[in-house]
Amino acid sequence: MKWNKRVRQLHRWLSIAFTVTVIVTVIALAQEEPLVWVSYTPLLPLALLLFSGLYLFALPYLARRRARRGAARAE
């Protein structure tokens, strides 16, 4: 259970980091001479958000599968 809590907390912090990088990117690209490489900075937090989000999405389904296996073994 502790692992799930850590992933949820990480997911929250990653969402904040992603939001900040998007805001920084918008500001950087609005300059007269934009720094194009800044547009790639949101990709790392976005990728990490994808993996943590997929894990969190799968949790209820995995819990149901484990519960069914435990019930089948108990019988």
PDB file of N, CA and C in Angstrom:
ATOM      1  N   MET A   1       0.825  -1.196   0.000  1.00  0.00           N
ATOM      2  CA  MET A   1       0.000   0.000   0.000  1.00  0.00           C
ATOM      3  C   MET A   1       0.866   1.256   0.000  1.00  0.00           C
ATOM      4  N   LYS A   2       2.022   1.172   0.625  1.00  0.00           N
ATOM      5  CA  LYS A   2       2.895   2.329   0.680  1.00  0.00           C
ATOM      6  C   LYS A   2       3.387   2.722  -0.710  1.00  0.00           C
ATOM      7  N   TRP A   3       3.608   1.712  -1.553  1.00  0.00           N
ATOM      8  CA  TRP A   3       4.080   1.957  -2.915  1.00  0.00           C
ATOM      9  C   TRP A   3       3.049   2.768  -3.696  1.00  0.00           C
ATOM     10  N   ASN A   4       1.768   2.425  -3.576  1.00  0.00           N
ATOM     11  CA  ASN A   4       0.707   3.136  -4.289  1.00  0.00           C
ATOM     12  C   ASN A   4       0.642   4.601  -3.854  1.00  0.00           C
ATOM     13  N   LYS A   5       0.817   4.827  -2.564  1.00  0.00           N
ATOM     14  CA  LYS A   5       0.784   6.192  -2.048  1.00  0.00           C
ATOM     15  C   LYS A   5       1.931   7.023  -2.610  1.00  0.00           C
ATOM     16  N   ARG A   6       3.101   6.405  -2.722  1.00  0.00           N
ATOM     17  CA  ARG A   6       4.257   7.117  -3.272  1.00  0.00           C
ATOM     18  C   ARG A   6       4.065   7.446  -4.746  1.00  0.00           C
ATOM     19  N   VAL A   7       3.474   6.513  -5.489  1.00  0.00           N
ATOM     20  CA  VAL A   7       3.234   6.767  -6.912  1.00  0.00           C
ATOM     21  C   VAL A   7       2.221   7.890  -7.074  1.00  0.00           C
ATOM     22  N   ARG A   8       1.189   7.914  -6.251  1.00  0.00           N
ATOM     23  CA  ARG A   8       0.204   8.998  -6.318  1.00  0.00           C
ATOM     24  C   ARG A   8       0.845  10.352  -6.017  1.00  0.00           C
ATOM     25  N   GLN A   9       1.690  10.384  -5.001  1.00  0.00           N
ATOM     26  CA  GLN A   9       2.373  11.629  -4.648  1.00  0.00           C
ATOM     27  C   GLN A   9       3.312  12.061  -5.769  1.00  0.00           C
ATOM     28  N   LEU A  10       4.039  11.116  -6.331  1.00  0.00           N
ATOM     29  CA  LEU A  10       4.926  11.424  -7.456  1.00  0.00           C
ATOM     30  C   LEU A  10       4.115  11.967  -8.634  1.00  0.00           C
ATOM     31  N   HIS A  11       2.972  11.368  -8.900  1.00  0.00           N
ATOM     32  CA  HIS A  11       2.120  11.807 -10.002  1.00  0.00           C
ATOM     33  C   HIS A  11       1.651  13.252  -9.786  1.00  0.00           C
ATOM     34  N   ARG A  12       1.310  13.587  -8.553  1.00  0.00           N
ATOM     35  CA  ARG A  12       0.896  14.968  -8.248  1.00  0.00           C
ATOM     36  C   ARG A  12       2.028  15.954  -8.494  1.00  0.00           C
ATOM     37  N   TRP A  13       3.227  15.626  -8.013  1.00  0.00           N
ATOM     38  CA  TRP A  13       4.363  16.524  -8.196  1.00  0.00           C
ATOM     39  C   TRP A  13       4.765  16.621  -9.667  1.00  0.00           C
ATOM     40  N   LEU A  14       4.648  15.540 -10.391  1.00  0.00           N
ATOM     41  CA  LEU A  14       4.954  15.585 -11.812  1.00  0.00           C
ATOM     42  C   LEU A  14       3.968  16.473 -12.563  1.00  0.00           C
ATOM     43  N   SER A  15       2.711  16.466 -12.134  1.00  0.00           N
ATOM     44  CA  SER A  15       1.731  17.334 -12.793  1.00  0.00           C
ATOM     45  C   SER A  15       2.066  18.801 -12.558  1.00  0.00           C
ATOM     46  N   ILE A  16       2.558  19.119 -11.376  1.00  0.00           N
ATOM     47  CA  ILE A  16       2.981  20.496 -11.098  1.00  0.00           C
ATOM     48  C   ILE A  16       4.190  20.855 -11.957  1.00  0.00           C
ATOM     49  N   ALA A  17       5.162  19.947 -12.036  1.00  0.00           N
ATOM     50  CA  ALA A  17       6.355  20.200 -12.850  1.00  0.00           C
ATOM     51  C   ALA A  17       5.980  20.357 -14.323  1.00  0.00           C
ATOM     52  N   PHE A  18       5.060  19.539 -14.802  1.00  0.00           N
ATOM     53  CA  PHE A  18       4.625  19.645 -16.192  1.00  0.00           C
ATOM     54  C   PHE A  18       3.956  20.992 -16.456  1.00  0.00           C
ATOM     55  N   THR A  19       3.097  21.424 -15.543  1.00  0.00           N
ATOM     56  CA  THR A  19       2.421  22.706 -15.703  1.00  0.00           C
ATOM     57  C   THR A  19       3.426  23.855 -15.742  1.00  0.00           C
ATOM     58  N   VAL A  20       4.401  23.811 -14.859  1.00  0.00           N
ATOM     59  CA  VAL A  20       5.420  24.869 -14.824  1.00  0.00           C
ATOM     60  C   VAL A  20       6.232  24.883 -16.115  1.00  0.00           C
ATOM     61  N   THR A  21       6.610  23.703 -16.602  1.00  0.00           N
ATOM     62  CA  THR A  21       7.400  23.672 -17.837  1.00  0.00           C
ATOM     63  C   THR A  21       6.591  24.151 -19.040  1.00  0.00           C
ATOM     64  N   VAL A  22       5.299  23.877 -19.054  1.00  0.00           N
ATOM     65  CA  VAL A  22       4.461  24.381 -20.154  1.00  0.00           C
ATOM     66  C   VAL A  22       4.373  25.906 -20.093  1.00  0.00           C
ATOM     67  N   ILE A  23       4.202  26.463 -18.902  1.00  0.00           N
ATOM     68  CA  ILE A  23       4.137  27.920 -18.758  1.00  0.00           C
ATOM     69  C   ILE A  23       5.457  28.554 -19.189  1.00  0.00           C
ATOM     70  N   VAL A  24       6.572  27.973 -18.763  1.00  0.00           N
ATOM     71  CA  VAL A  24       7.891  28.487 -19.151  1.00  0.00           C
ATOM     72  C   VAL A  24       8.072  28.401 -20.659  1.00  0.00           C
ATOM     73  N   THR A  25       7.622  27.321 -21.252  1.00  0.00           N
ATOM     74  CA  THR A  25       7.731  27.157 -22.702  1.00  0.00           C
ATOM     75  C   THR A  25       6.922  28.208 -23.443  1.00  0.00           C
ATOM     76  N   VAL A  26       5.711  28.467 -22.992  1.00  0.00           N
ATOM     77  CA  VAL A  26       4.871  29.483 -23.639  1.00  0.00           C
ATOM     78  C   VAL A  26       5.534  30.849 -23.547  1.00  0.00           C
ATOM     79  N   ILE A  27       6.072  31.175 -22.396  1.00  0.00           N
ATOM     80  CA  ILE A  27       6.757  32.461 -22.228  1.00  0.00           C
ATOM     81  C   ILE A  27       7.997  32.527 -23.105  1.00  0.00           C
ATOM     82  N   ALA A  28       8.772  31.458 -23.146  1.00  0.00           N
ATOM     83  CA  ALA A  28      10.005  31.455 -23.939  1.00  0.00           C
ATOM     84  C   ALA A  28       9.719  31.565 -25.434  1.00  0.00           C
ATOM     85  N   LEU A  29       8.665  30.912 -25.885  1.00  0.00           N
ATOM     86  CA  LEU A  29       8.351  30.958 -27.313  1.00  0.00           C
ATOM     87  C   LEU A  29       7.655  32.250 -27.723  1.00  0.00           C
ATOM     88  N   ALA A  30       7.187  33.020 -26.760  1.00  0.00           N
ATOM     89  CA  ALA A  30       6.538  34.298 -27.068  1.00  0.00           C
ATOM     90  C   ALA A  30       7.546  35.431 -27.248  1.00  0.00           C
ATOM     91  N   GLN A  31       8.807  35.167 -26.968  1.00  0.00           N
ATOM     92  CA  GLN A  31       9.846  36.190 -27.122  1.00  0.00           C
ATOM     93  C   GLN A  31      10.088  36.494 -28.602  1.00  0.00           C
ATOM     94  N   GLU A  32      10.756  37.604 -28.857  1.00  0.00           N
ATOM     95  CA  GLU A  32      11.054  37.971 -30.246  1.00  0.00           C
ATOM     96  C   GLU A  32      11.929  36.933 -30.938  1.00  0.00           C
ATOM     97  N   GLU A  33      12.952  36.475 -30.234  1.00  0.00           N
ATOM     98  CA  GLU A  33      13.793  35.400 -30.758  1.00  0.00           C
ATOM     99  C   GLU A  33      13.613  34.194 -29.850  1.00  0.00           C
ATOM    100  N   PRO A  34      12.648  33.329 -30.179  1.00  0.00           N
ATOM    101  CA  PRO A  34      12.340  32.211 -29.274  1.00  0.00           C
ATOM    102  C   PRO A  34      13.447  31.154 -29.249  1.00  0.00           C
ATOM    103  N   LEU A  35      13.605  30.556 -28.097  1.00  0.00           N
ATOM    104  CA  LEU A  35      14.515  29.431 -27.942  1.00  0.00           C
ATOM    105  C   LEU A  35      13.712  28.165 -28.228  1.00  0.00           C
ATOM    106  N   VAL A  36      13.963  27.570 -29.371  1.00  0.00           N
ATOM    107  CA  VAL A  36      13.147  26.437 -29.808  1.00  0.00           C
ATOM    108  C   VAL A  36      13.382  25.205 -28.931  1.00  0.00           C
ATOM    109  N   TRP A  37      14.583  25.014 -28.417  1.00  0.00           N
ATOM    110  CA  TRP A  37      14.866  23.826 -27.614  1.00  0.00           C
ATOM    111  C   TRP A  37      14.037  23.793 -26.336  1.00  0.00           C
ATOM    112  N   VAL A  38      13.544  24.954 -25.889  1.00  0.00           N
ATOM    113  CA  VAL A  38      12.732  24.998 -24.670  1.00  0.00           C
ATOM    114  C   VAL A  38      11.414  24.264 -24.883  1.00  0.00           C
ATOM    115  N   SER A  39      10.982  24.151 -26.123  1.00  0.00           N
ATOM    116  CA  SER A  39       9.704  23.482 -26.387  1.00  0.00           C
ATOM    117  C   SER A  39       9.760  21.988 -26.086  1.00  0.00           C
ATOM    118  N   TYR A  40      10.954  21.437 -25.915  1.00  0.00           N
ATOM    119  CA  TYR A  40      11.092  20.018 -25.593  1.00  0.00           C
ATOM    120  C   TYR A  40      11.104  19.738 -24.086  1.00  0.00           C
ATOM    121  N   THR A  41      11.195  20.755 -23.271  1.00  0.00           N
ATOM    122  CA  THR A  41      11.302  20.530 -21.828  1.00  0.00           C
ATOM    123  C   THR A  41      10.062  19.883 -21.199  1.00  0.00           C
ATOM    124  N   PRO A  42       8.841  20.128 -21.668  1.00  0.00           N
ATOM    125  CA  PRO A  42       7.696  19.448 -21.044  1.00  0.00           C
ATOM    126  C   PRO A  42       7.601  17.962 -21.358  1.00  0.00           C
ATOM    127  N   LEU A  43       8.410  17.471 -22.275  1.00  0.00           N
ATOM    128  CA  LEU A  43       8.266  16.077 -22.689  1.00  0.00           C
ATOM    129  C   LEU A  43       8.669  15.076 -21.610  1.00  0.00           C
ATOM    130  N   LEU A  44       9.703  15.370 -20.836  1.00  0.00           N
ATOM    131  CA  LEU A  44      10.118  14.434 -19.786  1.00  0.00           C
ATOM    132  C   LEU A  44       9.049  14.297 -18.705  1.00  0.00           C
ATOM    133  N   PRO A  45       8.542  15.401 -18.120  1.00  0.00           N
ATOM    134  CA  PRO A  45       7.478  15.218 -17.135  1.00  0.00           C
ATOM    135  C   PRO A  45       6.223  14.585 -17.740  1.00  0.00           C
ATOM    136  N   LEU A  46       5.957  14.868 -18.998  1.00  0.00           N
ATOM    137  CA  LEU A  46       4.790  14.279 -19.650  1.00  0.00           C
ATOM    138  C   LEU A  46       4.939  12.766 -19.788  1.00  0.00           C
ATOM    139  N   ALA A  47       6.128  12.312 -20.163  1.00  0.00           N
ATOM    140  CA  ALA A  47       6.369  10.871 -20.274  1.00  0.00           C
ATOM    141  C   ALA A  47       6.253  10.191 -18.915  1.00  0.00           C
ATOM    142  N   LEU A  48       6.813  10.821 -17.883  1.00  0.00           N
ATOM    143  CA  LEU A  48       6.711  10.244 -16.541  1.00  0.00           C
ATOM    144  C   LEU A  48       5.258  10.246 -16.051  1.00  0.00           C
ATOM    145  N   LEU A  49       4.509  11.290 -16.409  1.00  0.00           N
ATOM    146  CA  LEU A  49       3.081  11.329 -16.079  1.00  0.00           C
ATOM    147  C   LEU A  49       2.333  10.196 -16.772  1.00  0.00           C
ATOM    148  N   LEU A  50       2.709   9.902 -17.999  1.00  0.00           N
ATOM    149  CA  LEU A  50       2.077   8.817 -18.728  1.00  0.00           C
ATOM    150  C   LEU A  50       2.253   7.495 -17.994  1.00  0.00           C
ATOM    151  N   PHE A  51       3.478   7.186 -17.598  1.00  0.00           N
ATOM    152  CA  PHE A  51       3.734   5.903 -16.944  1.00  0.00           C
ATOM    153  C   PHE A  51       3.095   5.819 -15.562  1.00  0.00           C
ATOM    154  N   SER A  52       3.190   6.882 -14.788  1.00  0.00           N
ATOM    155  CA  SER A  52       2.566   6.841 -13.458  1.00  0.00           C
ATOM    156  C   SER A  52       1.044   6.824 -13.589  1.00  0.00           C
ATOM    157  N   GLY A  53       0.509   7.526 -14.571  1.00  0.00           N
ATOM    158  CA  GLY A  53      -0.936   7.524 -14.792  1.00  0.00           C
ATOM    159  C   GLY A  53      -1.449   6.166 -15.236  1.00  0.00           C
ATOM    160  N   LEU A  54      -0.707   5.502 -16.109  1.00  0.00           N
ATOM    161  CA  LEU A  54      -1.108   4.159 -16.523  1.00  0.00           C
ATOM    162  C   LEU A  54      -1.074   3.186 -15.353  1.00  0.00           C
ATOM    163  N   TYR A  55      -0.080   3.320 -14.498  1.00  0.00           N
ATOM    164  CA  TYR A  55      -0.010   2.473 -13.305  1.00  0.00           C
ATOM    165  C   TYR A  55      -1.218   2.713 -12.402  1.00  0.00           C
ATOM    166  N   LEU A  56      -1.524   3.989 -12.164  1.00  0.00           N
ATOM    167  CA  LEU A  56      -2.655   4.316 -11.303  1.00  0.00           C
ATOM    168  C   LEU A  56      -3.971   3.876 -11.936  1.00  0.00           C
ATOM    169  N   PHE A  57      -4.064   3.944 -13.247  1.00  0.00           N
ATOM    170  CA  PHE A  57      -5.266   3.499 -13.943  1.00  0.00           C
ATOM    171  C   PHE A  57      -5.460   1.989 -13.789  1.00  0.00           C
ATOM    172  N   ALA A  58      -4.369   1.244 -13.816  1.00  0.00           N
ATOM    173  CA  ALA A  58      -4.448  -0.211 -13.754  1.00  0.00           C
ATOM    174  C   ALA A  58      -4.663  -0.745 -12.344  1.00  0.00           C
ATOM    175  N   LEU A  59      -4.419   0.055 -11.332  1.00  0.00           N
ATOM    176  CA  LEU A  59      -4.521  -0.423  -9.944  1.00  0.00           C
ATOM    177  C   LEU A  59      -5.852  -1.093  -9.596  1.00  0.00           C
ATOM    178  N   PRO A  60      -6.999  -0.484  -9.877  1.00  0.00           N
ATOM    179  CA  PRO A  60      -8.259  -1.149  -9.497  1.00  0.00           C
ATOM    180  C   PRO A  60      -8.457  -2.483 -10.202  1.00  0.00           C
ATOM    181  N   TYR A  61      -8.024  -2.575 -11.448  1.00  0.00           N
ATOM    182  CA  TYR A  61      -8.187  -3.824 -12.190  1.00  0.00           C
ATOM    183  C   TYR A  61      -7.278  -4.910 -11.635  1.00  0.00           C
ATOM    184  N   LEU A  62      -6.071  -4.531 -11.270  1.00  0.00           N
ATOM    185  CA  LEU A  62      -5.147  -5.492 -10.677  1.00  0.00           C
ATOM    186  C   LEU A  62      -5.636  -5.942  -9.304  1.00  0.00           C
ATOM    187  N   ALA A  63      -6.214  -5.037  -8.542  1.00  0.00           N
ATOM    188  CA  ALA A  63      -6.738  -5.393  -7.219  1.00  0.00           C
ATOM    189  C   ALA A  63      -7.891  -6.379  -7.349  1.00  0.00           C
ATOM    190  N   ARG A  64      -8.757  -6.169  -8.320  1.00  0.00           N
ATOM    191  CA  ARG A  64      -9.872  -7.103  -8.537  1.00  0.00           C
ATOM    192  C   ARG A  64      -9.355  -8.482  -8.926  1.00  0.00           C
ATOM    193  N   ARG A  65      -8.345  -8.501  -9.787  1.00  0.00           N
ATOM    194  CA  ARG A  65      -7.790  -9.787 -10.211  1.00  0.00           C
ATOM    195  C   ARG A  65      -7.181 -10.524  -9.022  1.00  0.00           C
ATOM    196  N   ARG A  66      -6.461  -9.784  -8.166  1.00  0.00           N
ATOM    197  CA  ARG A  66      -5.865 -10.414  -6.975  1.00  0.00           C
ATOM    198  C   ARG A  66      -6.935 -10.910  -6.024  1.00  0.00           C
ATOM    199  N   ALA A  67      -8.016 -10.144  -5.887  1.00  0.00           N
ATOM    200  CA  ALA A  67      -9.093 -10.553  -4.985  1.00  0.00           C
ATOM    201  C   ALA A  67      -9.762 -11.827  -5.482  1.00  0.00           C
ATOM    202  N   ARG A  68      -9.940 -11.938  -6.791  1.00  0.00           N
ATOM    203  CA  ARG A  68     -10.543 -13.169  -7.347  1.00  0.00           C
ATOM    204  C   ARG A  68      -9.644 -14.361  -7.139  1.00  0.00           C
ATOM    205  N   ARG A  69      -8.342 -14.170  -7.325  1.00  0.00           N
ATOM    206  CA  ARG A  69      -7.405 -15.281  -7.120  1.00  0.00           C
ATOM    207  C   ARG A  69      -7.411 -15.725  -5.657  1.00  0.00           C
ATOM    208  N   GLY A  70      -7.449 -14.756  -4.752  1.00  0.00           N
ATOM    209  CA  GLY A  70      -7.467 -15.096  -3.334  1.00  0.00           C
ATOM    210  C   GLY A  70      -8.725 -15.827  -2.942  1.00  0.00           C
ATOM    211  N   ALA A  71      -9.874 -15.444  -3.511  1.00  0.00           N
ATOM    212  CA  ALA A  71     -11.138 -16.107  -3.222  1.00  0.00           C
ATOM    213  C   ALA A  71     -11.142 -17.516  -3.796  1.00  0.00           C
ATOM    214  N   ALA A  72     -10.548 -17.686  -4.961  1.00  0.00           N
ATOM    215  CA  ALA A  72     -10.503 -19.022  -5.578  1.00  0.00           C
ATOM    216  C   ALA A  72      -9.599 -19.957  -4.772  1.00  0.00           C
ATOM    217  N   ARG A  73      -8.540 -19.452  -4.223  1.00  0.00           N
ATOM    218  CA  ARG A  73      -7.640 -20.273  -3.423  1.00  0.00           C
ATOM    219  C   ARG A  73      -8.248 -20.643  -2.083  1.00  0.00           C
ATOM    220  N   ALA A  74      -9.085 -19.770  -1.547  1.00  0.00           N
ATOM    221  CA  ALA A  74      -9.690 -19.993  -0.241  1.00  0.00           C
ATOM    222  C   ALA A  74     -10.751 -21.084  -0.292  1.00  0.00           C
ATOM    223  N   GLU A  75     -11.291 -21.332  -1.464  1.00  0.00           N
ATOM    224  CA  GLU A  75     -12.365 -22.324  -1.592  1.00  0.00           C
ATOM    225  C   GLU A  75     -11.861 -23.711  -1.654  1.00  0.00           C
TER     226      GLU A  75
END
